[in-house]
Amino acid sequence: MHYNIIIIGAGPAGLIAARELKKAKINFLIIDSKKEIGLPLKCGEGIREKEFIDFFQHKNYPF
């Protein structure tokens, strides 16, 4: 498969980038060290897990 962009990391920034790429119909691949994307949410940027999940449930989650 051909990808135009590879995103390293499935944290908040990576998932937001993926959402925008999907809207633009650009092929992408997300690579992350975890088996499951999104949970448990562990990031130091101060985003609470509930708000993170709520955001992606209402914003055309890319997957």
N, C-alpha and C. Protein backbone atom coordinates (compact mmCIF):
# COMPACT_ATOMS: atom_id res chain seq x y z
N MET A 1 0.83 -1.18 0.00
CA MET A 1 0.00 0.00 0.00
C MET A 1 0.88 1.24 0.00
N HIS A 2 0.43 2.28 -0.66
CA HIS A 2 1.17 3.54 -0.75
C HIS A 2 0.58 4.56 0.21
N TYR A 3 1.44 5.23 0.99
CA TYR A 3 1.01 6.29 1.89
C TYR A 3 1.71 7.57 1.50
N ASN A 4 0.95 8.66 1.51
CA ASN A 4 1.55 9.97 1.25
C ASN A 4 2.27 10.50 2.48
N ILE A 5 1.74 10.15 3.65
CA ILE A 5 2.28 10.65 4.91
C ILE A 5 2.27 9.53 5.94
N ILE A 6 3.31 9.50 6.76
CA ILE A 6 3.37 8.58 7.89
C ILE A 6 3.40 9.43 9.15
N ILE A 7 2.48 9.17 10.06
CA ILE A 7 2.41 9.89 11.33
C ILE A 7 3.03 9.00 12.40
N ILE A 8 4.00 9.53 13.12
CA ILE A 8 4.64 8.80 14.20
C ILE A 8 4.01 9.26 15.51
N GLY A 9 3.29 8.36 16.15
CA GLY A 9 2.66 8.67 17.43
C GLY A 9 1.16 8.89 17.28
N ALA A 10 0.39 8.16 18.08
CA ALA A 10 -1.07 8.25 18.03
C ALA A 10 -1.61 8.99 19.24
N GLY A 11 -0.86 9.98 19.69
CA GLY A 11 -1.35 10.84 20.77
C GLY A 11 -2.29 11.89 20.20
N PRO A 12 -2.64 12.88 21.00
CA PRO A 12 -3.58 13.90 20.54
C PRO A 12 -3.16 14.58 19.23
N ALA A 13 -1.92 14.98 19.11
CA ALA A 13 -1.48 15.66 17.89
C ALA A 13 -1.53 14.73 16.68
N GLY A 14 -1.09 13.49 16.85
CA GLY A 14 -1.12 12.54 15.74
C GLY A 14 -2.53 12.24 15.26
N LEU A 15 -3.47 12.10 16.20
CA LEU A 15 -4.85 11.81 15.82
C LEU A 15 -5.54 13.00 15.18
N ILE A 16 -5.22 14.20 15.64
CA ILE A 16 -5.79 15.39 15.01
C ILE A 16 -5.23 15.53 13.59
N ALA A 17 -3.93 15.27 13.43
CA ALA A 17 -3.34 15.30 12.09
C ALA A 17 -4.02 14.28 11.18
N ALA A 18 -4.27 13.08 11.71
CA ALA A 18 -4.93 12.03 10.93
C ALA A 18 -6.33 12.45 10.52
N ARG A 19 -7.04 13.07 11.43
CA ARG A 19 -8.40 13.52 11.11
C ARG A 19 -8.38 14.52 9.95
N GLU A 20 -7.44 15.46 9.99
CA GLU A 20 -7.36 16.46 8.93
C GLU A 20 -6.93 15.83 7.60
N LEU A 21 -6.02 14.87 7.65
CA LEU A 21 -5.60 14.19 6.43
C LEU A 21 -6.75 13.39 5.82
N LYS A 22 -7.55 12.77 6.68
CA LYS A 22 -8.70 12.02 6.17
C LYS A 22 -9.68 12.96 5.48
N LYS A 23 -9.93 14.12 6.08
CA LYS A 23 -10.83 15.11 5.46
C LYS A 23 -10.31 15.52 4.09
N ALA A 24 -8.99 15.62 3.96
CA ALA A 24 -8.37 16.03 2.70
C ALA A 24 -8.19 14.85 1.74
N LYS A 25 -8.63 13.65 2.15
CA LYS A 25 -8.53 12.44 1.33
C LYS A 25 -7.08 12.10 0.96
N ILE A 26 -6.20 12.27 1.93
CA ILE A 26 -4.78 11.95 1.76
C ILE A 26 -4.51 10.62 2.48
N ASN A 27 -3.84 9.69 1.80
CA ASN A 27 -3.50 8.40 2.40
C ASN A 27 -2.42 8.57 3.45
N PHE A 28 -2.65 7.98 4.63
CA PHE A 28 -1.69 8.10 5.71
C PHE A 28 -1.63 6.81 6.51
N LEU A 29 -0.57 6.68 7.27
CA LEU A 29 -0.37 5.55 8.17
C LEU A 29 0.05 6.12 9.51
N ILE A 30 -0.54 5.61 10.59
CA ILE A 30 -0.13 6.00 11.94
C ILE A 30 0.67 4.86 12.54
N ILE A 31 1.83 5.18 13.07
CA ILE A 31 2.68 4.20 13.76
C ILE A 31 2.78 4.62 15.22
N ASP A 32 2.50 3.68 16.10
CA ASP A 32 2.59 3.96 17.54
C ASP A 32 3.14 2.71 18.23
N SER A 33 3.77 2.91 19.36
CA SER A 33 4.37 1.77 20.07
C SER A 33 3.33 0.92 20.80
N LYS A 34 2.14 1.46 21.02
CA LYS A 34 1.10 0.71 21.73
C LYS A 34 0.25 -0.09 20.75
N LYS A 35 -0.33 -1.18 21.25
CA LYS A 35 -1.22 -1.99 20.42
C LYS A 35 -2.54 -1.29 20.16
N GLU A 36 -3.04 -0.55 21.16
CA GLU A 36 -4.35 0.08 21.09
C GLU A 36 -4.18 1.60 21.10
N ILE A 37 -4.85 2.26 20.20
CA ILE A 37 -4.74 3.72 20.10
C ILE A 37 -5.78 4.37 21.01
N GLY A 38 -5.36 5.39 21.75
CA GLY A 38 -6.29 6.21 22.50
C GLY A 38 -6.41 5.91 23.98
N LEU A 39 -6.42 4.65 24.36
CA LEU A 39 -6.61 4.33 25.77
C LEU A 39 -5.56 3.34 26.24
N PRO A 40 -5.03 3.46 27.43
CA PRO A 40 -5.26 4.58 28.32
C PRO A 40 -4.51 5.80 27.82
N LEU A 41 -5.13 6.94 27.98
CA LEU A 41 -4.52 8.19 27.52
C LEU A 41 -3.43 8.60 28.49
N LYS A 42 -2.23 8.70 27.98
CA LYS A 42 -1.10 9.13 28.79
C LYS A 42 -0.32 10.17 28.01
N CYS A 43 -0.55 11.42 28.35
CA CYS A 43 0.22 12.49 27.72
C CYS A 43 0.43 13.59 28.74
N GLY A 44 1.49 14.32 28.60
CA GLY A 44 1.82 15.35 29.57
C GLY A 44 1.34 16.73 29.17
N GLU A 45 0.48 16.82 28.18
CA GLU A 45 0.04 18.12 27.70
C GLU A 45 -1.16 18.66 28.46
N GLY A 46 -1.64 17.94 29.45
CA GLY A 46 -2.73 18.44 30.27
C GLY A 46 -4.12 18.18 29.71
N ILE A 47 -4.25 17.25 28.81
CA ILE A 47 -5.57 16.91 28.26
C ILE A 47 -6.15 15.79 29.11
N ARG A 48 -7.35 16.01 29.60
CA ARG A 48 -8.01 14.97 30.39
C ARG A 48 -8.58 13.90 29.47
N GLU A 49 -8.56 12.66 29.95
CA GLU A 49 -9.02 11.53 29.13
C GLU A 49 -10.46 11.71 28.67
N LYS A 50 -11.36 12.14 29.54
CA LYS A 50 -12.76 12.30 29.18
C LYS A 50 -12.93 13.33 28.07
N GLU A 51 -12.27 14.47 28.18
CA GLU A 51 -12.38 15.50 27.15
C GLU A 51 -11.79 15.03 25.83
N PHE A 52 -10.72 14.27 25.89
CA PHE A 52 -10.10 13.72 24.69
C PHE A 52 -11.06 12.79 23.96
N ILE A 53 -11.68 11.89 24.70
CA ILE A 53 -12.63 10.95 24.10
C ILE A 53 -13.85 11.69 23.56
N ASP A 54 -14.38 12.63 24.33
CA ASP A 54 -15.54 13.42 23.88
C ASP A 54 -15.23 14.15 22.58
N PHE A 55 -14.04 14.73 22.48
CA PHE A 55 -13.64 15.47 21.28
C PHE A 55 -13.68 14.58 20.05
N PHE A 56 -13.09 13.40 20.14
CA PHE A 56 -13.02 12.54 18.97
C PHE A 56 -14.34 11.83 18.66
N GLN A 57 -15.18 11.63 19.64
CA GLN A 57 -16.48 11.02 19.37
C GLN A 57 -17.38 11.96 18.58
N HIS A 58 -17.19 13.25 18.73
CA HIS A 58 -18.05 14.23 18.07
C HIS A 58 -17.40 14.90 16.86
N LYS A 59 -16.21 14.51 16.49
CA LYS A 59 -15.48 15.21 15.43
C LYS A 59 -15.08 14.31 14.27
N ASN A 60 -15.90 13.36 13.90
CA ASN A 60 -15.59 12.50 12.76
C ASN A 60 -14.25 11.79 12.96
N TYR A 61 -14.15 11.04 14.00
CA TYR A 61 -12.94 10.29 14.34
C TYR A 61 -12.41 9.56 13.11
N PRO A 62 -11.11 9.64 12.84
CA PRO A 62 -10.58 9.16 11.56
C PRO A 62 -10.56 7.65 11.35
N PHE A 63 -10.90 6.84 12.33
CA PHE A 63 -10.74 5.40 12.17
C PHE A 63 -12.05 4.68 12.22
